[in-house]
């Protein structure tokens, strides 16, 4: 997929406006079957004001207003694009999907009110940002459920710098000579990410004025080991299902405040 360097506007044959954003996401909106209307619309969208309005529209439709994390459908689109991109590169490592659910979150709303619940959601979203890398995809999936997508390449191509304010712990650093047997040492491995989030959440209460709200999170993790030219079609759905099953099973077994890891799966080679 070619990378987009700027926002572009196009029209389908039936006059539907197709907006392509700099990161490659597309948005279809409005029908302008009349040629004059299309040209007027195109001219407006190419003005500074028009483009500003488009970007504001995108922000409202892409990000959750409470946490400023991606919404479910945009996140799925970005993850699928990432998988297509990775399958076309010399990627050799782990793809991880994490399903996270705040424990007993309904009690927070019931005891302290919805405003306090919204504050807890924002606090948890901040923990997610501090516990992940810029390349990881973070989304609020709905209610108190969140999803993370991460890709961890083998050490030969793994970045060593940190873009976040808080670096990874020493236990998450990549060891030289990583093999399939110790893939769990990769920085982006879902279990390490989940453990970091779980321990930070438990150890750092959400402070609302004089009130400190303690919160825990149950996490399901599914990892897939893929090599160059692996077929990634349907991989996200499979990992999402496995991560969700691991998380919900943990809750059913009364093992909340744990990271539950599904068995490792392997990417299939593309059929040429």
C-alpha atoms as a PDB file:
ATOM      1  CA  UNK A   1       0.000   0.000   0.000  1.00  0.00           C
ATOM      2  CA  UNK A   2       1.400   3.360  -1.012  1.00  0.00           C
ATOM      3  CA  UNK A   3       1.699   5.815   1.829  1.00  0.00           C
ATOM      4  CA  UNK A   4      -0.407   8.946   1.597  1.00  0.00           C
ATOM      5  CA  UNK A   5       1.514  12.164   2.043  1.00  0.00           C
ATOM      6  CA  UNK A   6      -1.503  14.480   2.160  1.00  0.00           C
ATOM      7  CA  UNK A   7      -5.268  14.591   2.363  1.00  0.00           C
ATOM      8  CA  UNK A   8      -6.988  13.975  -0.990  1.00  0.00           C
ATOM      9  CA  UNK A   9     -10.548  14.373  -2.272  1.00  0.00           C
ATOM     10  CA  UNK A  10     -12.134  12.271  -5.030  1.00  0.00           C
ATOM     11  CA  UNK A  11     -15.618  11.353  -6.261  1.00  0.00           C
ATOM     12  CA  UNK A  12     -17.054   7.958  -7.158  1.00  0.00           C
ATOM     13  CA  UNK A  13     -19.040   7.481 -10.358  1.00  0.00           C
ATOM     14  CA  UNK A  14     -22.315   8.093  -8.546  1.00  0.00           C
ATOM     15  CA  UNK A  15     -20.993  11.298  -6.984  1.00  0.00           C
ATOM     16  CA  UNK A  16     -20.053  10.045  -3.514  1.00  0.00           C
ATOM     17  CA  UNK A  17     -17.261  12.036  -1.863  1.00  0.00           C
ATOM     18  CA  UNK A  18     -14.221   9.858  -1.050  1.00  0.00           C
ATOM     19  CA  UNK A  19     -11.805  11.459   1.421  1.00  0.00           C
ATOM     20  CA  UNK A  20      -8.404   9.816   1.860  1.00  0.00           C
ATOM     21  CA  UNK A  21      -6.506  10.947   4.954  1.00  0.00           C
ATOM     22  CA  UNK A  22      -2.688  11.191   5.222  1.00  0.00           C
ATOM     23  CA  UNK A  23      -2.479   7.870   7.098  1.00  0.00           C
ATOM     24  CA  UNK A  24      -4.375   6.038   4.359  1.00  0.00           C
ATOM     25  CA  UNK A  25      -7.788   5.834   6.043  1.00  0.00           C
ATOM     26  CA  UNK A  26     -10.727   6.516   3.748  1.00  0.00           C
ATOM     27  CA  UNK A  27     -14.070   8.125   4.527  1.00  0.00           C
ATOM     28  CA  UNK A  28     -17.082   8.267   2.216  1.00  0.00           C
ATOM     29  CA  UNK A  29     -19.664  10.959   2.810  1.00  0.00           C
ATOM     30  CA  UNK A  30     -22.428  12.693   0.863  1.00  0.00           C
ATOM     31  CA  UNK A  31     -23.730  12.307  -2.696  1.00  0.00           C
ATOM     32  CA  UNK A  32     -23.215  15.031  -5.292  1.00  0.00           C
ATOM     33  CA  UNK A  33     -24.511  13.655  -8.633  1.00  0.00           C
ATOM     34  CA  UNK A  34     -24.503  17.089 -10.251  1.00  0.00           C
ATOM     35  CA  UNK A  35     -21.150  17.978 -11.868  1.00  0.00           C
ATOM     36  CA  UNK A  36     -21.362  21.610 -10.762  1.00  0.00           C
ATOM     37  CA  UNK A  37     -22.050  20.570  -7.152  1.00  0.00           C
ATOM     38  CA  UNK A  38     -19.061  18.224  -7.251  1.00  0.00           C
ATOM     39  CA  UNK A  39     -16.714  20.939  -8.465  1.00  0.00           C
ATOM     40  CA  UNK A  40     -18.037  23.413  -5.890  1.00  0.00           C
ATOM     41  CA  UNK A  41     -17.593  20.813  -3.150  1.00  0.00           C
ATOM     42  CA  UNK A  42     -14.096  19.936  -4.335  1.00  0.00           C
ATOM     43  CA  UNK A  43     -13.106  23.611  -4.381  1.00  0.00           C
ATOM     44  CA  UNK A  44     -14.404  24.117  -0.837  1.00  0.00           C
ATOM     45  CA  UNK A  45     -12.647  21.012   0.487  1.00  0.00           C
ATOM     46  CA  UNK A  46      -9.396  22.278  -1.007  1.00  0.00           C
ATOM     47  CA  UNK A  47      -9.562  25.497   1.013  1.00  0.00           C
ATOM     48  CA  UNK A  48      -7.895  25.767   4.404  1.00  0.00           C
ATOM     49  CA  UNK A  49     -11.268  26.056   6.138  1.00  0.00           C
ATOM     50  CA  UNK A  50     -12.636  23.049   4.277  1.00  0.00           C
ATOM     51  CA  UNK A  51      -9.681  20.849   5.136  1.00  0.00           C
ATOM     52  CA  UNK A  52      -9.826  21.950   8.762  1.00  0.00           C
ATOM     53  CA  UNK A  53     -13.490  20.931   8.911  1.00  0.00           C
ATOM     54  CA  UNK A  54     -12.654  17.567   7.342  1.00  0.00           C
ATOM     55  CA  UNK A  55      -9.961  16.872   9.917  1.00  0.00           C
ATOM     56  CA  UNK A  56     -12.357  17.858  12.705  1.00  0.00           C
ATOM     57  CA  UNK A  57     -14.930  15.456  11.260  1.00  0.00           C
ATOM     58  CA  UNK A  58     -12.322  12.724  11.160  1.00  0.00           C
ATOM     59  CA  UNK A  59     -11.346  13.320  14.788  1.00  0.00           C
ATOM     60  CA  UNK A  60     -14.962  13.041  15.927  1.00  0.00           C
ATOM     61  CA  UNK A  61     -15.534   9.828  13.979  1.00  0.00           C
ATOM     62  CA  UNK A  62     -12.198   8.158  14.705  1.00  0.00           C
ATOM     63  CA  UNK A  63     -11.577   8.808  18.404  1.00  0.00           C
ATOM     64  CA  UNK A  64     -13.580   8.048  21.519  1.00  0.00           C
ATOM     65  CA  UNK A  65     -14.575  11.339  23.136  1.00  0.00           C
ATOM     66  CA  UNK A  66     -13.936  10.144  26.706  1.00  0.00           C
ATOM     67  CA  UNK A  67     -10.502   8.555  26.311  1.00  0.00           C
ATOM     68  CA  UNK A  68      -9.228   9.951  22.995  1.00  0.00           C
ATOM     69  CA  UNK A  69      -8.391   6.368  22.008  1.00  0.00           C
ATOM     70  CA  UNK A  70      -9.460   4.932  18.667  1.00  0.00           C
ATOM     71  CA  UNK A  71     -13.022   3.742  18.277  1.00  0.00           C
ATOM     72  CA  UNK A  72     -13.657   0.121  17.348  1.00  0.00           C
ATOM     73  CA  UNK A  73     -14.209   0.365  13.584  1.00  0.00           C
ATOM     74  CA  UNK A  74     -11.348   2.806  12.833  1.00  0.00           C
ATOM     75  CA  UNK A  75      -9.040   0.683  14.992  1.00  0.00           C
ATOM     76  CA  UNK A  76      -9.997  -2.449  13.080  1.00  0.00           C
ATOM     77  CA  UNK A  77      -9.290  -0.654   9.794  1.00  0.00           C
ATOM     78  CA  UNK A  78      -5.859   0.510  10.967  1.00  0.00           C
ATOM     79  CA  UNK A  79      -4.967  -2.942  12.315  1.00  0.00           C
ATOM     80  CA  UNK A  80      -5.949  -4.595   9.034  1.00  0.00           C
ATOM     81  CA  UNK A  81      -3.811  -2.066   7.142  1.00  0.00           C
ATOM     82  CA  UNK A  82      -0.883  -2.783   9.456  1.00  0.00           C
ATOM     83  CA  UNK A  83      -1.220  -6.514   8.845  1.00  0.00           C
ATOM     84  CA  UNK A  84      -1.230  -6.008   5.070  1.00  0.00           C
ATOM     85  CA  UNK A  85       1.866  -3.837   5.386  1.00  0.00           C
ATOM     86  CA  UNK A  86       3.653  -6.339   7.633  1.00  0.00           C
ATOM     87  CA  UNK A  87       2.849  -9.260   5.344  1.00  0.00           C
ATOM     88  CA  UNK A  88       4.593  -7.432   2.516  1.00  0.00           C
ATOM     89  CA  UNK A  89       7.754  -6.766   4.534  1.00  0.00           C
ATOM     90  CA  UNK A  90      10.468  -8.994   5.927  1.00  0.00           C
ATOM     91  CA  UNK A  91       8.673  -9.251   9.253  1.00  0.00           C
ATOM     92  CA  UNK A  92       9.745 -12.146  11.457  1.00  0.00           C
ATOM     93  CA  UNK A  93       8.281 -12.055  14.940  1.00  0.00           C
ATOM     94  CA  UNK A  94       5.111 -11.780  17.001  1.00  0.00           C
ATOM     95  CA  UNK A  95       1.734 -10.233  16.327  1.00  0.00           C
ATOM     96  CA  UNK A  96      -0.160  -9.688  19.585  1.00  0.00           C
ATOM     97  CA  UNK A  97      -3.757  -8.774  20.347  1.00  0.00           C
ATOM     98  CA  UNK A  98      -4.784  -7.915  23.905  1.00  0.00           C
ATOM     99  CA  UNK A  99      -8.352  -7.738  25.200  1.00  0.00           C
ATOM    100  CA  UNK A 100      -8.629  -5.741  28.431  1.00  0.00           C
ATOM    101  CA  UNK A 101     -11.637  -5.396  30.734  1.00  0.00           C
ATOM    102  CA  UNK A 102     -11.751  -3.213  33.847  1.00  0.00           C
ATOM    103  CA  UNK A 103     -12.888  -5.310  36.811  1.00  0.00           C
ATOM    104  CA  UNK A 104     -16.131  -4.328  38.572  1.00  0.00           C
ATOM    105  CA  UNK A 105     -16.234  -1.033  36.669  1.00  0.00           C
ATOM    106  CA  UNK A 106     -19.998  -0.825  37.066  1.00  0.00           C
ATOM    107  CA  UNK A 107     -19.481  -0.387  40.808  1.00  0.00           C
ATOM    108  CA  UNK A 108     -17.473   2.780  40.156  1.00  0.00           C
ATOM    109  CA  UNK A 109     -20.374   4.381  38.290  1.00  0.00           C
ATOM    110  CA  UNK A 110     -22.831   3.157  40.902  1.00  0.00           C
ATOM    111  CA  UNK A 111     -20.858   4.373  43.916  1.00  0.00           C
ATOM    112  CA  UNK A 112     -19.242   7.563  42.599  1.00  0.00           C
ATOM    113  CA  UNK A 113     -21.331   8.540  39.569  1.00  0.00           C
ATOM    114  CA  UNK A 114     -20.793   8.573  35.808  1.00  0.00           C
ATOM    115  CA  UNK A 115     -18.438  11.565  35.869  1.00  0.00           C
ATOM    116  CA  UNK A 116     -16.111   9.617  38.152  1.00  0.00           C
ATOM    117  CA  UNK A 117     -16.427   6.624  35.838  1.00  0.00           C
ATOM    118  CA  UNK A 118     -15.381   8.797  32.895  1.00  0.00           C
ATOM    119  CA  UNK A 119     -12.366   9.990  34.882  1.00  0.00           C
ATOM    120  CA  UNK A 120     -11.366   6.381  35.552  1.00  0.00           C
ATOM    121  CA  UNK A 121     -11.633   5.596  31.833  1.00  0.00           C
ATOM    122  CA  UNK A 122      -9.346   8.543  31.009  1.00  0.00           C
ATOM    123  CA  UNK A 123      -6.917   7.509  33.749  1.00  0.00           C
ATOM    124  CA  UNK A 124      -6.770   3.956  32.399  1.00  0.00           C
ATOM    125  CA  UNK A 125      -6.311   5.191  28.823  1.00  0.00           C
ATOM    126  CA  UNK A 126      -3.311   7.184  30.031  1.00  0.00           C
ATOM    127  CA  UNK A 127      -1.849   4.018  31.595  1.00  0.00           C
ATOM    128  CA  UNK A 128      -2.254   2.272  28.232  1.00  0.00           C
ATOM    129  CA  UNK A 129      -0.392   5.056  26.433  1.00  0.00           C
ATOM    130  CA  UNK A 130       2.467   5.016  28.927  1.00  0.00           C
ATOM    131  CA  UNK A 131       2.729   1.227  28.768  1.00  0.00           C
ATOM    132  CA  UNK A 132       2.921   0.878  24.990  1.00  0.00           C
ATOM    133  CA  UNK A 133       4.878   2.139  22.007  1.00  0.00           C
ATOM    134  CA  UNK A 134       3.807   4.715  19.441  1.00  0.00           C
ATOM    135  CA  UNK A 135       3.445   1.976  16.818  1.00  0.00           C
ATOM    136  CA  UNK A 136       0.977  -0.018  18.934  1.00  0.00           C
ATOM    137  CA  UNK A 137      -2.729   0.447  18.172  1.00  0.00           C
ATOM    138  CA  UNK A 138      -4.899   1.327  21.192  1.00  0.00           C
ATOM    139  CA  UNK A 139      -8.692   1.322  21.101  1.00  0.00           C
ATOM    140  CA  UNK A 140     -11.662   1.616  23.383  1.00  0.00           C
ATOM    141  CA  UNK A 141     -13.750  -1.293  22.154  1.00  0.00           C
ATOM    142  CA  UNK A 142     -16.857  -0.347  24.095  1.00  0.00           C
ATOM    143  CA  UNK A 143     -17.858   0.249  27.712  1.00  0.00           C
ATOM    144  CA  UNK A 144     -14.941  -0.790  29.908  1.00  0.00           C
ATOM    145  CA  UNK A 145     -13.316  -2.986  27.234  1.00  0.00           C
ATOM    146  CA  UNK A 146     -10.131  -2.044  25.409  1.00  0.00           C
ATOM    147  CA  UNK A 147      -8.024  -3.627  22.664  1.00  0.00           C
ATOM    148  CA  UNK A 148      -4.306  -3.345  21.891  1.00  0.00           C
ATOM    149  CA  UNK A 149      -2.540  -4.516  18.729  1.00  0.00           C
ATOM    150  CA  UNK A 150       1.258  -4.821  18.775  1.00  0.00           C
ATOM    151  CA  UNK A 151       3.914  -6.204  16.444  1.00  0.00           C
ATOM    152  CA  UNK A 152       7.334  -7.263  17.760  1.00  0.00           C
ATOM    153  CA  UNK A 153      10.014  -8.011  15.182  1.00  0.00           C
ATOM    154  CA  UNK A 154      13.067 -10.169  15.817  1.00  0.00           C
ATOM    155  CA  UNK A 155      16.062  -8.393  17.492  1.00  0.00           C
ATOM    156  CA  UNK A 156      17.906  -7.801  14.223  1.00  0.00           C
ATOM    157  CA  UNK A 157      15.256  -5.298  13.190  1.00  0.00           C
ATOM    158  CA  UNK A 158      13.868  -4.306  16.590  1.00  0.00           C
ATOM    159  CA  UNK A 159      14.112  -0.626  17.420  1.00  0.00           C
ATOM    160  CA  UNK A 160      16.037   0.077  20.584  1.00  0.00           C
ATOM    161  CA  UNK A 161      14.973   3.663  21.217  1.00  0.00           C
ATOM    162  CA  UNK A 162      11.885   4.658  23.159  1.00  0.00           C
ATOM    163  CA  UNK A 163       9.360   7.216  21.999  1.00  0.00           C
ATOM    164  CA  UNK A 164       7.405   7.229  25.254  1.00  0.00           C
ATOM    165  CA  UNK A 165       8.247   9.323  28.292  1.00  0.00           C
ATOM    166  CA  UNK A 166       8.553   6.214  30.451  1.00  0.00           C
ATOM    167  CA  UNK A 167      10.877   3.509  29.070  1.00  0.00           C
ATOM    168  CA  UNK A 168      10.263  -0.208  29.196  1.00  0.00           C
ATOM    169  CA  UNK A 169      11.468  -2.066  32.240  1.00  0.00           C
ATOM    170  CA  UNK A 170      14.676  -4.093  32.015  1.00  0.00           C
ATOM    171  CA  UNK A 171      12.685  -7.329  31.878  1.00  0.00           C
ATOM    172  CA  UNK A 172      11.153  -6.203  28.600  1.00  0.00           C
ATOM    173  CA  UNK A 173      14.448  -5.562  26.835  1.00  0.00           C
ATOM    174  CA  UNK A 174      15.356  -7.738  23.889  1.00  0.00           C
ATOM    175  CA  UNK A 175      18.057 -10.320  24.412  1.00  0.00           C
ATOM    176  CA  UNK A 176      20.555 -10.942  21.625  1.00  0.00           C
ATOM    177  CA  UNK A 177      19.967 -14.176  19.752  1.00  0.00           C
ATOM    178  CA  UNK A 178      16.225 -14.432  20.297  1.00  0.00           C
ATOM    179  CA  UNK A 179      14.826 -17.698  18.904  1.00  0.00           C
ATOM    180  CA  UNK A 180      11.371 -19.185  18.620  1.00  0.00           C
ATOM    181  CA  UNK A 181      11.918 -20.742  22.026  1.00  0.00           C
ATOM    182  CA  UNK A 182      12.237 -17.382  23.764  1.00  0.00           C
ATOM    183  CA  UNK A 183       9.993 -15.123  21.693  1.00  0.00           C
ATOM    184  CA  UNK A 184       8.472 -13.966  24.957  1.00  0.00           C
ATOM    185  CA  UNK A 185      11.568 -11.789  25.387  1.00  0.00           C
ATOM    186  CA  UNK A 186      10.513  -9.541  22.508  1.00  0.00           C
ATOM    187  CA  UNK A 187       9.607  -6.041  23.656  1.00  0.00           C
ATOM    188  CA  UNK A 188       6.223  -6.013  21.950  1.00  0.00           C
ATOM    189  CA  UNK A 189       5.127  -9.419  23.194  1.00  0.00           C
ATOM    190  CA  UNK A 190       1.556  -9.234  24.427  1.00  0.00           C
ATOM    191  CA  UNK A 191       2.237 -10.926  27.754  1.00  0.00           C
ATOM    192  CA  UNK A 192       4.876  -8.340  28.669  1.00  0.00           C
ATOM    193  CA  UNK A 193       2.605  -5.484  27.624  1.00  0.00           C
ATOM    194  CA  UNK A 194      -0.314  -6.962  29.546  1.00  0.00           C
ATOM    195  CA  UNK A 195       1.749  -7.562  32.678  1.00  0.00           C
ATOM    196  CA  UNK A 196       3.029  -4.006  32.599  1.00  0.00           C
ATOM    197  CA  UNK A 197      -0.493  -2.624  32.295  1.00  0.00           C
ATOM    198  CA  UNK A 198      -1.940  -4.910  34.961  1.00  0.00           C
ATOM    199  CA  UNK A 199       0.708  -4.108  37.584  1.00  0.00           C
ATOM    200  CA  UNK A 200       0.578  -0.356  36.890  1.00  0.00           C
ATOM    201  CA  UNK A 201      -3.220  -0.323  37.112  1.00  0.00           C
ATOM    202  CA  UNK A 202      -3.234  -2.169  40.438  1.00  0.00           C
ATOM    203  CA  UNK A 203      -0.431  -0.072  41.945  1.00  0.00           C
ATOM    204  CA  UNK A 204      -1.680   3.360  40.847  1.00  0.00           C
ATOM    205  CA  UNK A 205      -5.155   4.329  42.133  1.00  0.00           C
ATOM    206  CA  UNK A 206      -7.157   6.882  40.175  1.00  0.00           C
ATOM    207  CA  UNK A 207      -7.066  10.058  42.257  1.00  0.00           C
ATOM    208  CA  UNK A 208     -10.271  12.115  42.152  1.00  0.00           C
ATOM    209  CA  UNK A 209      -9.634  14.985  44.525  1.00  0.00           C
ATOM    210  CA  UNK A 210      -9.543  13.470  48.030  1.00  0.00           C
ATOM    211  CA  UNK A 211     -10.870  10.131  46.740  1.00  0.00           C
ATOM    212  CA  UNK A 212      -8.526   7.389  45.531  1.00  0.00           C
ATOM    213  CA  UNK A 213     -10.312   4.756  43.439  1.00  0.00           C
ATOM    214  CA  UNK A 214      -8.503   1.429  43.259  1.00  0.00           C
ATOM    215  CA  UNK A 215      -8.984  -0.478  40.038  1.00  0.00           C
ATOM    216  CA  UNK A 216      -7.784  -3.748  38.526  1.00  0.00           C
ATOM    217  CA  UNK A 217      -7.936  -5.131  35.001  1.00  0.00           C
ATOM    218  CA  UNK A 218      -8.264  -8.612  33.528  1.00  0.00           C
ATOM    219  CA  UNK A 219      -6.399  -9.166  30.275  1.00  0.00           C
ATOM    220  CA  UNK A 220      -6.525 -11.814  27.575  1.00  0.00           C
ATOM    221  CA  UNK A 221      -3.575 -12.128  25.186  1.00  0.00           C
ATOM    222  CA  UNK A 222      -3.243 -13.952  21.879  1.00  0.00           C
ATOM    223  CA  UNK A 223       0.076 -14.095  19.995  1.00  0.00           C
ATOM    224  CA  UNK A 224       0.845 -15.310  16.489  1.00  0.00           C
ATOM    225  CA  UNK A 225       4.341 -15.980  15.182  1.00  0.00           C
ATOM    226  CA  UNK A 226       4.619 -14.933  11.549  1.00  0.00           C
ATOM    227  CA  UNK A 227       7.500 -14.946   9.106  1.00  0.00           C
ATOM    228  CA  UNK A 228       8.089 -13.084   5.821  1.00  0.00           C
ATOM    229  CA  UNK A 229       5.233 -13.456   3.327  1.00  0.00           C
ATOM    230  CA  UNK A 230       2.823 -14.953   5.842  1.00  0.00           C
ATOM    231  CA  UNK A 231      -0.869 -14.823   4.973  1.00  0.00           C
ATOM    232  CA  UNK A 232      -2.397 -12.391   7.482  1.00  0.00           C
ATOM    233  CA  UNK A 233      -5.939 -12.397   6.094  1.00  0.00           C
ATOM    234  CA  UNK A 234      -8.346 -13.026   8.951  1.00  0.00           C
ATOM    235  CA  UNK A 235      -5.497 -13.056  11.472  1.00  0.00           C
ATOM    236  CA  UNK A 236      -6.813 -10.177  13.558  1.00  0.00           C
ATOM    237  CA  UNK A 237     -10.263 -11.747  13.906  1.00  0.00           C
ATOM    238  CA  UNK A 238      -8.687 -15.031  14.995  1.00  0.00           C
ATOM    239  CA  UNK A 239      -6.405 -13.390  17.562  1.00  0.00           C
ATOM    240  CA  UNK A 240      -9.193 -11.130  18.820  1.00  0.00           C
ATOM    241  CA  UNK A 241     -11.432 -14.164  19.379  1.00  0.00           C
ATOM    242  CA  UNK A 242      -8.677 -16.076  21.195  1.00  0.00           C
ATOM    243  CA  UNK A 243      -7.745 -13.075  23.371  1.00  0.00           C
ATOM    244  CA  UNK A 244     -11.413 -12.481  24.241  1.00  0.00           C
ATOM    245  CA  UNK A 245     -11.928 -16.144  25.135  1.00  0.00           C
ATOM    246  CA  UNK A 246      -8.845 -16.113  27.375  1.00  0.00           C
ATOM    247  CA  UNK A 247     -10.007 -12.956  29.132  1.00  0.00           C
ATOM    248  CA  UNK A 248     -13.609 -14.077  29.660  1.00  0.00           C
ATOM    249  CA  UNK A 249     -12.519 -17.522  30.836  1.00  0.00           C
ATOM    250  CA  UNK A 250     -10.321 -15.823  33.426  1.00  0.00           C
ATOM    251  CA  UNK A 251     -13.300 -13.836  34.687  1.00  0.00           C
ATOM    252  CA  UNK A 252     -15.546 -16.910  34.781  1.00  0.00           C
ATOM    253  CA  UNK A 253     -12.900 -18.787  36.759  1.00  0.00           C
ATOM    254  CA  UNK A 254     -12.753 -15.850  39.208  1.00  0.00           C
ATOM    255  CA  UNK A 255      -9.187 -15.085  38.163  1.00  0.00           C
ATOM    256  CA  UNK A 256      -9.594 -11.366  37.720  1.00  0.00           C
ATOM    257  CA  UNK A 257      -6.576  -9.059  37.874  1.00  0.00           C
ATOM    258  CA  UNK A 258      -4.568 -11.581  35.836  1.00  0.00           C
ATOM    259  CA  UNK A 259      -3.033 -11.778  32.365  1.00  0.00           C
ATOM    260  CA  UNK A 260      -4.381 -14.870  30.594  1.00  0.00           C
ATOM    261  CA  UNK A 261      -2.394 -15.978  27.537  1.00  0.00           C
ATOM    262  CA  UNK A 262      -3.861 -18.173  24.798  1.00  0.00           C
ATOM    263  CA  UNK A 263      -1.614 -20.800  23.144  1.00  0.00           C
ATOM    264  CA  UNK A 264       0.743 -19.437  20.494  1.00  0.00           C
ATOM    265  CA  UNK A 265      -0.457 -19.697  16.893  1.00  0.00           C
ATOM    266  CA  UNK A 266       1.530 -19.582  13.666  1.00  0.00           C
ATOM    267  CA  UNK A 267       0.969 -17.583  10.498  1.00  0.00           C
ATOM    268  CA  UNK A 268       0.314 -19.519   7.301  1.00  0.00           C
ATOM    269  CA  UNK A 269       2.407 -18.941   4.164  1.00  0.00           C
ATOM    270  CA  UNK A 270       0.754 -17.071   1.320  1.00  0.00           C
ATOM    271  CA  UNK A 271      -0.526 -19.152  -1.559  1.00  0.00           C
ATOM    272  CA  UNK A 272       1.110 -17.668  -4.652  1.00  0.00           C
END
